[in-house]
Amino acid sequence: MAKETMMSLYDYLGRAAGSELGQKVAQAAASQKVKFEMREVSNSTYQGNVMLYPKSFLDQFFGGGLSEGGNPSKQLLHG
């Protein structure tokens, strides 16, 4: 069984998600009991931990159907 690909919102969207969207995703993941991981990030614009979610969950949350490579105009379907 292959391990699920875990992604941050930044990795998935190709841009910073912001705290409001981050909270909505975290709430949805918690309500669906989705497993998550944490990764420490340190760069010129952000230092701290970020949440990593299964790609399949993010595909579902953002409506799926988009090609690999990330499209920064993904539409938020929840919230």
N, C-alpha and C. Protein backbone atom coordinates (compact mmCIF):
# COMPACT_ATOMS: atom_id res chain seq x y z
N MET A 1 0.85 -1.18 0.00
CA MET A 1 0.00 0.00 0.00
C MET A 1 0.90 1.24 0.00
N ALA A 2 0.70 2.11 -0.96
CA ALA A 2 1.51 3.32 -1.08
C ALA A 2 1.09 4.35 -0.03
N LYS A 3 2.09 5.09 0.44
CA LYS A 3 1.81 6.12 1.43
C LYS A 3 1.16 7.33 0.74
N GLU A 4 0.17 7.90 1.39
CA GLU A 4 -0.53 9.07 0.87
C GLU A 4 0.42 10.27 0.78
N THR A 5 0.33 11.03 -0.29
CA THR A 5 1.12 12.24 -0.44
C THR A 5 0.57 13.33 0.47
N MET A 6 1.43 13.86 1.33
CA MET A 6 1.04 14.92 2.26
C MET A 6 1.53 16.26 1.72
N MET A 7 0.65 17.26 1.76
CA MET A 7 0.98 18.57 1.18
C MET A 7 0.50 19.70 2.09
N SER A 8 1.27 20.77 2.11
CA SER A 8 0.81 21.99 2.78
C SER A 8 -0.14 22.72 1.83
N LEU A 9 -0.88 23.67 2.36
CA LEU A 9 -1.74 24.47 1.49
C LEU A 9 -0.91 25.27 0.50
N TYR A 10 0.26 25.74 0.92
CA TYR A 10 1.14 26.48 0.00
C TYR A 10 1.57 25.58 -1.15
N ASP A 11 1.98 24.35 -0.84
CA ASP A 11 2.38 23.41 -1.89
C ASP A 11 1.22 23.12 -2.83
N TYR A 12 0.03 22.95 -2.28
CA TYR A 12 -1.14 22.57 -3.07
C TYR A 12 -1.63 23.72 -3.95
N LEU A 13 -1.72 24.92 -3.37
CA LEU A 13 -2.29 26.06 -4.09
C LEU A 13 -1.26 26.82 -4.92
N GLY A 14 0.01 26.70 -4.55
CA GLY A 14 1.05 27.44 -5.25
C GLY A 14 1.15 28.88 -4.77
N ARG A 15 0.55 29.17 -3.64
CA ARG A 15 0.59 30.51 -3.05
C ARG A 15 0.22 30.38 -1.58
N ALA A 16 0.50 31.43 -0.82
CA ALA A 16 0.12 31.42 0.59
C ALA A 16 -1.41 31.41 0.70
N ALA A 17 -1.93 30.58 1.58
CA ALA A 17 -3.38 30.44 1.72
C ALA A 17 -3.98 31.50 2.63
N GLY A 18 -3.22 31.95 3.61
CA GLY A 18 -3.75 32.90 4.58
C GLY A 18 -4.40 32.17 5.74
N SER A 19 -4.51 32.87 6.86
CA SER A 19 -4.99 32.22 8.08
C SER A 19 -6.47 31.84 8.02
N GLU A 20 -7.30 32.64 7.36
CA GLU A 20 -8.74 32.32 7.30
C GLU A 20 -8.98 31.02 6.54
N LEU A 21 -8.38 30.89 5.38
CA LEU A 21 -8.55 29.65 4.61
C LEU A 21 -7.90 28.49 5.34
N GLY A 22 -6.73 28.72 5.95
CA GLY A 22 -6.06 27.67 6.71
C GLY A 22 -6.94 27.14 7.83
N GLN A 23 -7.65 28.03 8.52
CA GLN A 23 -8.55 27.61 9.59
C GLN A 23 -9.72 26.80 9.05
N LYS A 24 -10.26 27.20 7.91
CA LYS A 24 -11.38 26.46 7.31
C LYS A 24 -10.96 25.04 6.93
N VAL A 25 -9.77 24.92 6.35
CA VAL A 25 -9.27 23.60 5.96
C VAL A 25 -9.04 22.75 7.22
N ALA A 26 -8.42 23.34 8.25
CA ALA A 26 -8.16 22.61 9.50
C ALA A 26 -9.47 22.15 10.15
N GLN A 27 -10.48 22.99 10.14
CA GLN A 27 -11.78 22.61 10.72
C GLN A 27 -12.41 21.47 9.94
N ALA A 28 -12.34 21.55 8.61
CA ALA A 28 -12.91 20.48 7.79
C ALA A 28 -12.16 19.17 8.02
N ALA A 29 -10.84 19.24 8.12
CA ALA A 29 -10.05 18.04 8.36
C ALA A 29 -10.39 17.43 9.72
N ALA A 30 -10.53 18.27 10.72
CA ALA A 30 -10.86 17.79 12.06
C ALA A 30 -12.25 17.14 12.07
N SER A 31 -13.21 17.75 11.41
CA SER A 31 -14.57 17.21 11.41
C SER A 31 -14.65 15.87 10.68
N GLN A 32 -13.73 15.65 9.72
CA GLN A 32 -13.71 14.38 8.97
C GLN A 32 -12.66 13.41 9.53
N LYS A 33 -12.03 13.80 10.65
CA LYS A 33 -11.00 12.97 11.29
C LYS A 33 -9.88 12.60 10.33
N VAL A 34 -9.46 13.59 9.52
CA VAL A 34 -8.38 13.40 8.56
C VAL A 34 -7.05 13.48 9.30
N LYS A 35 -6.17 12.53 9.06
CA LYS A 35 -4.85 12.56 9.67
C LYS A 35 -4.03 13.67 9.02
N PHE A 36 -3.22 14.34 9.84
CA PHE A 36 -2.37 15.40 9.32
C PHE A 36 -0.98 15.26 9.92
N GLU A 37 -0.05 15.97 9.34
CA GLU A 37 1.32 16.02 9.84
C GLU A 37 1.71 17.48 9.96
N MET A 38 2.83 17.73 10.62
CA MET A 38 3.35 19.09 10.77
C MET A 38 4.75 19.13 10.14
N ARG A 39 5.10 20.27 9.58
CA ARG A 39 6.45 20.49 9.05
C ARG A 39 6.91 21.87 9.49
N GLU A 40 8.14 21.96 9.95
CA GLU A 40 8.69 23.25 10.33
C GLU A 40 9.23 23.94 9.09
N VAL A 41 8.87 25.23 8.95
CA VAL A 41 9.28 26.03 7.80
C VAL A 41 10.01 27.26 8.30
N SER A 42 11.09 27.60 7.63
CA SER A 42 11.82 28.81 7.96
C SER A 42 12.33 29.43 6.66
N ASN A 43 11.73 30.56 6.29
CA ASN A 43 12.19 31.28 5.10
C ASN A 43 12.06 32.77 5.36
N SER A 44 12.26 33.58 4.35
CA SER A 44 12.26 35.04 4.54
C SER A 44 10.88 35.61 4.89
N THR A 45 9.81 34.88 4.60
CA THR A 45 8.47 35.41 4.85
C THR A 45 7.72 34.71 5.97
N TYR A 46 8.16 33.50 6.37
CA TYR A 46 7.43 32.76 7.39
C TYR A 46 8.37 31.84 8.15
N GLN A 47 8.18 31.79 9.45
CA GLN A 47 8.90 30.84 10.28
C GLN A 47 7.92 30.23 11.25
N GLY A 48 7.84 28.92 11.25
CA GLY A 48 6.94 28.21 12.14
C GLY A 48 6.52 26.89 11.54
N ASN A 49 5.51 26.28 12.13
CA ASN A 49 5.00 25.00 11.66
C ASN A 49 3.86 25.20 10.68
N VAL A 50 3.78 24.31 9.70
CA VAL A 50 2.65 24.29 8.77
C VAL A 50 2.01 22.91 8.83
N MET A 51 0.73 22.88 8.57
CA MET A 51 -0.02 21.63 8.55
C MET A 51 0.14 20.99 7.18
N LEU A 52 0.25 19.67 7.17
CA LEU A 52 0.29 18.89 5.94
C LEU A 52 -0.92 17.98 5.93
N TYR A 53 -1.65 18.00 4.82
CA TYR A 53 -2.87 17.20 4.67
C TYR A 53 -2.69 16.22 3.52
N PRO A 54 -3.43 15.11 3.54
CA PRO A 54 -3.38 14.19 2.39
C PRO A 54 -3.86 14.92 1.13
N LYS A 55 -3.18 14.70 0.01
CA LYS A 55 -3.57 15.34 -1.24
C LYS A 55 -5.01 15.00 -1.61
N SER A 56 -5.42 13.77 -1.33
CA SER A 56 -6.79 13.36 -1.67
C SER A 56 -7.82 14.21 -0.90
N PHE A 57 -7.52 14.54 0.35
CA PHE A 57 -8.41 15.40 1.13
C PHE A 57 -8.45 16.80 0.52
N LEU A 58 -7.29 17.35 0.17
CA LEU A 58 -7.25 18.69 -0.43
C LEU A 58 -7.98 18.72 -1.77
N ASP A 59 -7.83 17.65 -2.56
CA ASP A 59 -8.56 17.56 -3.83
C ASP A 59 -10.06 17.61 -3.57
N GLN A 60 -10.51 16.88 -2.57
CA GLN A 60 -11.93 16.87 -2.23
C GLN A 60 -12.38 18.23 -1.71
N PHE A 61 -11.60 18.83 -0.83
CA PHE A 61 -11.95 20.11 -0.24
C PHE A 61 -12.07 21.20 -1.30
N PHE A 62 -11.13 21.23 -2.23
CA PHE A 62 -11.12 22.28 -3.25
C PHE A 62 -11.85 21.89 -4.53
N GLY A 63 -12.58 20.79 -4.52
CA GLY A 63 -13.42 20.43 -5.65
C GLY A 63 -12.80 19.49 -6.65
N GLY A 64 -11.51 19.22 -6.55
CA GLY A 64 -10.85 18.27 -7.44
C GLY A 64 -10.99 18.64 -8.91
N GLY A 65 -10.68 17.69 -9.75
CA GLY A 65 -10.84 17.86 -11.18
C GLY A 65 -9.80 18.74 -11.84
N LEU A 66 -8.82 19.21 -11.09
CA LEU A 66 -7.79 20.05 -11.66
C LEU A 66 -6.55 19.23 -11.93
N SER A 67 -5.81 19.60 -12.95
CA SER A 67 -4.64 18.83 -13.35
C SER A 67 -3.51 18.97 -12.34
N GLU A 68 -2.59 18.04 -12.39
CA GLU A 68 -1.38 18.12 -11.57
C GLU A 68 -0.63 19.38 -11.96
N GLY A 69 0.16 19.89 -11.06
CA GLY A 69 0.93 21.09 -11.35
C GLY A 69 0.37 22.29 -10.64
N GLY A 70 -0.83 22.18 -10.13
CA GLY A 70 -1.39 23.26 -9.31
C GLY A 70 -1.86 24.45 -10.12
N ASN A 71 -3.06 24.85 -9.85
CA ASN A 71 -3.64 26.02 -10.48
C ASN A 71 -4.00 26.99 -9.37
N PRO A 72 -3.32 28.16 -9.30
CA PRO A 72 -3.56 29.06 -8.18
C PRO A 72 -4.96 29.64 -8.13
N SER A 73 -5.79 29.39 -9.14
CA SER A 73 -7.14 29.92 -9.12
C SER A 73 -8.15 28.87 -8.68
N LYS A 74 -7.70 27.87 -7.93
CA LYS A 74 -8.62 26.84 -7.45
C LYS A 74 -9.73 27.50 -6.63
N GLN A 75 -10.93 27.03 -6.83
CA GLN A 75 -12.08 27.63 -6.18
C GLN A 75 -12.39 26.92 -4.87
N LEU A 76 -12.63 27.69 -3.84
CA LEU A 76 -13.02 27.15 -2.54
C LEU A 76 -14.50 26.79 -2.58
N LEU A 77 -14.81 25.52 -2.34
CA LEU A 77 -16.19 25.09 -2.39
C LEU A 77 -16.84 24.98 -1.02
N HIS A 78 -16.02 25.01 0.04
CA HIS A 78 -16.54 24.90 1.39
C HIS A 78 -16.40 26.22 2.11
N GLY A 79 -17.31 26.49 3.02
CA GLY A 79 -17.19 27.69 3.85
C GLY A 79 -17.78 28.82 3.20
